[in-house]
Amino acid sequence: MEKPRDSKKVNRPIKEWRSSNFKLAVWANEREINGNLVEFKTMSLSRSFKKKDEDIWRNEVINLRRMDLPRVMALLNEVSREFYLEKQNEN
């Protein structure tokens, strides 16, 4: 017998990683498609910070799906090259 779904159930990440003020969380999700319950995962990347002139901690969150990951990784690789690799002078 299937358990009834509790609509007040708190959704918590199935896995989390932290580095300094950054956190990446993986979430389990369900959606009904054509009468079938389909499970899928999403991720959220968050950064917490406190403004100098305020006493309130803030949190920025970006929600991503699996298909977004390669695109985001490609962009991060490009910007890391820009920041960390030395450029040769063409003279």
N, C-alpha and C. Protein backbone atom coordinates (compact mmCIF):
# COMPACT_ATOMS: atom_id res chain seq x y z
N MET A 1 0.84 -1.18 0.00
CA MET A 1 0.00 0.00 0.00
C MET A 1 0.89 1.25 0.00
N GLU A 2 0.56 2.19 -0.83
CA GLU A 2 1.33 3.40 -0.97
C GLU A 2 0.99 4.39 0.14
N LYS A 3 2.02 5.06 0.67
CA LYS A 3 1.80 6.06 1.71
C LYS A 3 1.24 7.33 1.08
N PRO A 4 0.27 7.97 1.76
CA PRO A 4 -0.20 9.26 1.23
C PRO A 4 0.89 10.30 1.37
N ARG A 5 0.96 11.20 0.39
CA ARG A 5 1.97 12.25 0.43
C ARG A 5 1.55 13.31 1.43
N ASP A 6 2.47 13.71 2.28
CA ASP A 6 2.23 14.73 3.27
C ASP A 6 2.53 16.09 2.65
N SER A 7 1.51 16.92 2.46
CA SER A 7 1.71 18.20 1.81
C SER A 7 2.49 19.18 2.69
N LYS A 8 2.59 18.91 3.99
CA LYS A 8 3.33 19.79 4.90
C LYS A 8 4.75 19.31 5.14
N LYS A 9 5.18 18.30 4.41
CA LYS A 9 6.52 17.75 4.56
C LYS A 9 7.56 18.79 4.14
N VAL A 10 8.60 18.93 4.95
CA VAL A 10 9.66 19.89 4.65
C VAL A 10 10.61 19.27 3.64
N ASN A 11 10.85 19.99 2.55
CA ASN A 11 11.75 19.50 1.53
C ASN A 11 13.18 19.89 1.91
N ARG A 12 14.03 18.90 2.11
CA ARG A 12 15.43 19.14 2.45
C ARG A 12 16.31 18.59 1.34
N PRO A 13 17.48 19.18 1.17
CA PRO A 13 18.39 18.66 0.14
C PRO A 13 18.84 17.24 0.46
N ILE A 14 19.11 16.46 -0.60
CA ILE A 14 19.59 15.10 -0.37
C ILE A 14 21.10 15.08 -0.17
N LYS A 15 21.76 16.18 -0.60
CA LYS A 15 23.21 16.29 -0.40
C LYS A 15 23.60 17.75 -0.48
N GLU A 16 24.61 18.15 0.31
CA GLU A 16 25.09 19.53 0.31
C GLU A 16 26.60 19.56 0.39
N TRP A 17 27.18 20.60 -0.23
CA TRP A 17 28.61 20.88 -0.11
C TRP A 17 28.74 22.35 0.25
N ARG A 18 29.74 22.67 1.07
CA ARG A 18 29.98 24.06 1.45
C ARG A 18 31.45 24.40 1.26
N SER A 19 31.69 25.65 0.88
CA SER A 19 33.03 26.20 0.80
C SER A 19 32.90 27.68 1.13
N SER A 20 33.44 28.06 2.27
CA SER A 20 33.35 29.44 2.74
C SER A 20 31.88 29.83 2.81
N ASN A 21 31.49 30.90 2.11
CA ASN A 21 30.10 31.35 2.17
C ASN A 21 29.26 30.83 0.99
N PHE A 22 29.76 29.82 0.28
CA PHE A 22 29.03 29.20 -0.82
C PHE A 22 28.49 27.84 -0.41
N LYS A 23 27.31 27.51 -0.92
CA LYS A 23 26.72 26.20 -0.65
C LYS A 23 26.07 25.70 -1.94
N LEU A 24 26.31 24.44 -2.25
CA LEU A 24 25.65 23.78 -3.37
C LEU A 24 24.82 22.64 -2.80
N ALA A 25 23.54 22.62 -3.13
CA ALA A 25 22.63 21.59 -2.61
C ALA A 25 21.96 20.87 -3.77
N VAL A 26 21.77 19.56 -3.63
CA VAL A 26 21.05 18.75 -4.61
C VAL A 26 19.70 18.38 -4.00
N TRP A 27 18.66 18.55 -4.78
CA TRP A 27 17.29 18.32 -4.32
C TRP A 27 16.64 17.20 -5.12
N ALA A 28 15.85 16.36 -4.47
CA ALA A 28 15.04 15.34 -5.15
C ALA A 28 13.66 15.95 -5.40
N ASN A 29 13.16 15.81 -6.61
CA ASN A 29 11.87 16.38 -6.99
C ASN A 29 11.01 15.31 -7.64
N GLU A 30 9.72 15.52 -7.63
CA GLU A 30 8.77 14.63 -8.29
C GLU A 30 7.78 15.46 -9.08
N ARG A 31 7.37 14.91 -10.22
CA ARG A 31 6.36 15.57 -11.04
C ARG A 31 5.53 14.49 -11.71
N GLU A 32 4.25 14.71 -11.83
CA GLU A 32 3.39 13.77 -12.53
C GLU A 32 3.36 14.14 -14.01
N ILE A 33 3.72 13.18 -14.85
CA ILE A 33 3.70 13.37 -16.30
C ILE A 33 2.94 12.20 -16.92
N ASN A 34 1.88 12.50 -17.62
CA ASN A 34 1.03 11.48 -18.25
C ASN A 34 0.59 10.41 -17.26
N GLY A 35 0.23 10.83 -16.06
CA GLY A 35 -0.25 9.90 -15.04
C GLY A 35 0.84 9.13 -14.31
N ASN A 36 2.10 9.33 -14.68
CA ASN A 36 3.21 8.65 -14.01
C ASN A 36 4.00 9.64 -13.16
N LEU A 37 4.41 9.20 -11.99
CA LEU A 37 5.23 10.03 -11.12
C LEU A 37 6.69 9.89 -11.55
N VAL A 38 7.29 11.01 -11.96
CA VAL A 38 8.66 11.02 -12.46
C VAL A 38 9.53 11.75 -11.43
N GLU A 39 10.66 11.13 -11.09
CA GLU A 39 11.60 11.75 -10.16
C GLU A 39 12.74 12.38 -10.94
N PHE A 40 13.21 13.54 -10.49
CA PHE A 40 14.35 14.21 -11.09
C PHE A 40 15.05 15.03 -10.02
N LYS A 41 16.28 15.42 -10.31
CA LYS A 41 17.07 16.20 -9.35
C LYS A 41 17.32 17.59 -9.90
N THR A 42 17.39 18.54 -8.99
CA THR A 42 17.80 19.90 -9.32
C THR A 42 18.88 20.31 -8.32
N MET A 43 19.53 21.44 -8.58
CA MET A 43 20.54 21.91 -7.65
C MET A 43 20.36 23.39 -7.42
N SER A 44 20.83 23.84 -6.28
CA SER A 44 20.81 25.27 -5.99
C SER A 44 22.19 25.68 -5.48
N LEU A 45 22.67 26.78 -6.02
CA LEU A 45 23.94 27.36 -5.62
C LEU A 45 23.61 28.64 -4.88
N SER A 46 24.11 28.77 -3.65
CA SER A 46 23.81 29.97 -2.88
C SER A 46 25.07 30.59 -2.31
N ARG A 47 24.98 31.89 -2.10
CA ARG A 47 26.07 32.66 -1.51
C ARG A 47 25.47 33.56 -0.46
N SER A 48 25.98 33.46 0.75
CA SER A 48 25.50 34.35 1.81
C SER A 48 26.51 35.48 2.01
N PHE A 49 26.00 36.65 2.37
CA PHE A 49 26.87 37.80 2.57
C PHE A 49 26.19 38.79 3.49
N LYS A 50 26.99 39.68 4.03
CA LYS A 50 26.50 40.72 4.91
C LYS A 50 27.03 42.05 4.41
N LYS A 51 26.14 42.99 4.14
CA LYS A 51 26.57 44.31 3.69
C LYS A 51 27.23 45.05 4.85
N LYS A 52 28.25 45.85 4.52
CA LYS A 52 29.00 46.57 5.55
C LYS A 52 28.13 47.50 6.37
N ASP A 53 27.20 48.17 5.74
CA ASP A 53 26.38 49.15 6.45
C ASP A 53 25.10 48.58 7.06
N GLU A 54 24.91 47.25 6.96
CA GLU A 54 23.72 46.61 7.53
C GLU A 54 24.12 45.49 8.47
N ASP A 55 23.21 45.14 9.35
CA ASP A 55 23.48 44.05 10.28
C ASP A 55 22.65 42.81 9.91
N ILE A 56 22.32 42.69 8.64
CA ILE A 56 21.47 41.59 8.17
C ILE A 56 22.25 40.72 7.20
N TRP A 57 22.22 39.41 7.42
CA TRP A 57 22.82 38.47 6.47
C TRP A 57 21.84 38.26 5.33
N ARG A 58 22.36 38.25 4.13
CA ARG A 58 21.55 38.04 2.93
C ARG A 58 21.98 36.76 2.24
N ASN A 59 21.11 36.24 1.39
CA ASN A 59 21.39 35.00 0.70
C ASN A 59 20.92 35.11 -0.74
N GLU A 60 21.83 34.85 -1.70
CA GLU A 60 21.48 34.81 -3.12
C GLU A 60 21.45 33.35 -3.54
N VAL A 61 20.43 32.98 -4.29
CA VAL A 61 20.28 31.59 -4.72
C VAL A 61 20.06 31.52 -6.22
N ILE A 62 20.76 30.57 -6.86
CA ILE A 62 20.54 30.27 -8.28
C ILE A 62 20.09 28.81 -8.34
N ASN A 63 18.92 28.58 -8.92
CA ASN A 63 18.41 27.22 -9.06
C ASN A 63 18.73 26.71 -10.46
N LEU A 64 19.27 25.50 -10.54
CA LEU A 64 19.72 24.92 -11.80
C LEU A 64 19.16 23.53 -12.00
N ARG A 65 19.03 23.15 -13.25
CA ARG A 65 18.64 21.78 -13.60
C ARG A 65 19.86 21.07 -14.18
N ARG A 66 19.76 19.78 -14.31
CA ARG A 66 20.88 18.96 -14.79
C ARG A 66 21.41 19.46 -16.13
N MET A 67 20.53 19.85 -17.03
CA MET A 67 20.97 20.29 -18.35
C MET A 67 21.73 21.62 -18.30
N ASP A 68 21.61 22.37 -17.20
CA ASP A 68 22.33 23.63 -17.05
C ASP A 68 23.78 23.43 -16.63
N LEU A 69 24.08 22.32 -15.97
CA LEU A 69 25.39 22.10 -15.38
C LEU A 69 26.55 22.21 -16.38
N PRO A 70 26.52 21.53 -17.55
CA PRO A 70 27.65 21.66 -18.48
C PRO A 70 27.84 23.10 -18.97
N ARG A 71 26.76 23.82 -19.17
CA ARG A 71 26.86 25.21 -19.63
C ARG A 71 27.50 26.10 -18.56
N VAL A 72 27.07 25.93 -17.33
CA VAL A 72 27.63 26.72 -16.22
C VAL A 72 29.10 26.37 -16.03
N MET A 73 29.43 25.08 -16.10
CA MET A 73 30.82 24.66 -15.94
C MET A 73 31.70 25.25 -17.04
N ALA A 74 31.20 25.26 -18.27
CA ALA A 74 31.97 25.84 -19.38
C ALA A 74 32.23 27.32 -19.14
N LEU A 75 31.22 28.05 -18.68
CA LEU A 75 31.40 29.47 -18.39
C LEU A 75 32.39 29.69 -17.25
N LEU A 76 32.30 28.89 -16.19
CA LEU A 76 33.23 29.02 -15.07
C LEU A 76 34.65 28.69 -15.49
N ASN A 77 34.82 27.70 -16.36
CA ASN A 77 36.17 27.38 -16.86
C ASN A 77 36.75 28.55 -17.64
N GLU A 78 35.94 29.18 -18.47
CA GLU A 78 36.42 30.32 -19.25
C GLU A 78 36.83 31.48 -18.35
N VAL A 79 36.01 31.80 -17.38
CA VAL A 79 36.34 32.93 -16.52
C VAL A 79 37.53 32.60 -15.62
N SER A 80 37.70 31.34 -15.24
CA SER A 80 38.87 30.99 -14.43
C SER A 80 40.15 31.13 -15.25
N ARG A 81 40.09 30.82 -16.54
CA ARG A 81 41.26 31.05 -17.42
C ARG A 81 41.60 32.54 -17.46
N GLU A 82 40.58 33.36 -17.57
CA GLU A 82 40.78 34.81 -17.63
C GLU A 82 41.43 35.33 -16.34
N PHE A 83 41.00 34.81 -15.22
CA PHE A 83 41.50 35.30 -13.93
C PHE A 83 42.86 34.72 -13.55
N TYR A 84 43.13 33.46 -13.91
CA TYR A 84 44.28 32.78 -13.34
C TYR A 84 45.41 32.43 -14.30
N LEU A 85 45.18 32.42 -15.58
CA LEU A 85 46.25 32.09 -16.51
C LEU A 85 46.95 33.36 -17.00
N GLU A 86 48.25 33.31 -17.05
CA GLU A 86 48.99 34.46 -17.55
C GLU A 86 48.87 34.54 -19.06
N LYS A 87 48.77 35.76 -19.56
CA LYS A 87 48.66 35.95 -21.00
C LYS A 87 50.04 36.30 -21.53
N GLN A 88 50.35 35.79 -22.72
CA GLN A 88 51.62 36.07 -23.40
C GLN A 88 51.52 37.39 -24.14
N ASN A 89 52.58 38.18 -24.10
CA ASN A 89 52.64 39.40 -24.92
C ASN A 89 52.89 39.01 -26.35
N GLU A 90 52.24 39.64 -27.29
CA GLU A 90 52.40 39.32 -28.69
C GLU A 90 53.43 40.23 -29.37
N ASN A 91 54.33 40.84 -28.65
CA ASN A 91 55.34 41.76 -29.22
C ASN A 91 56.49 40.99 -29.81
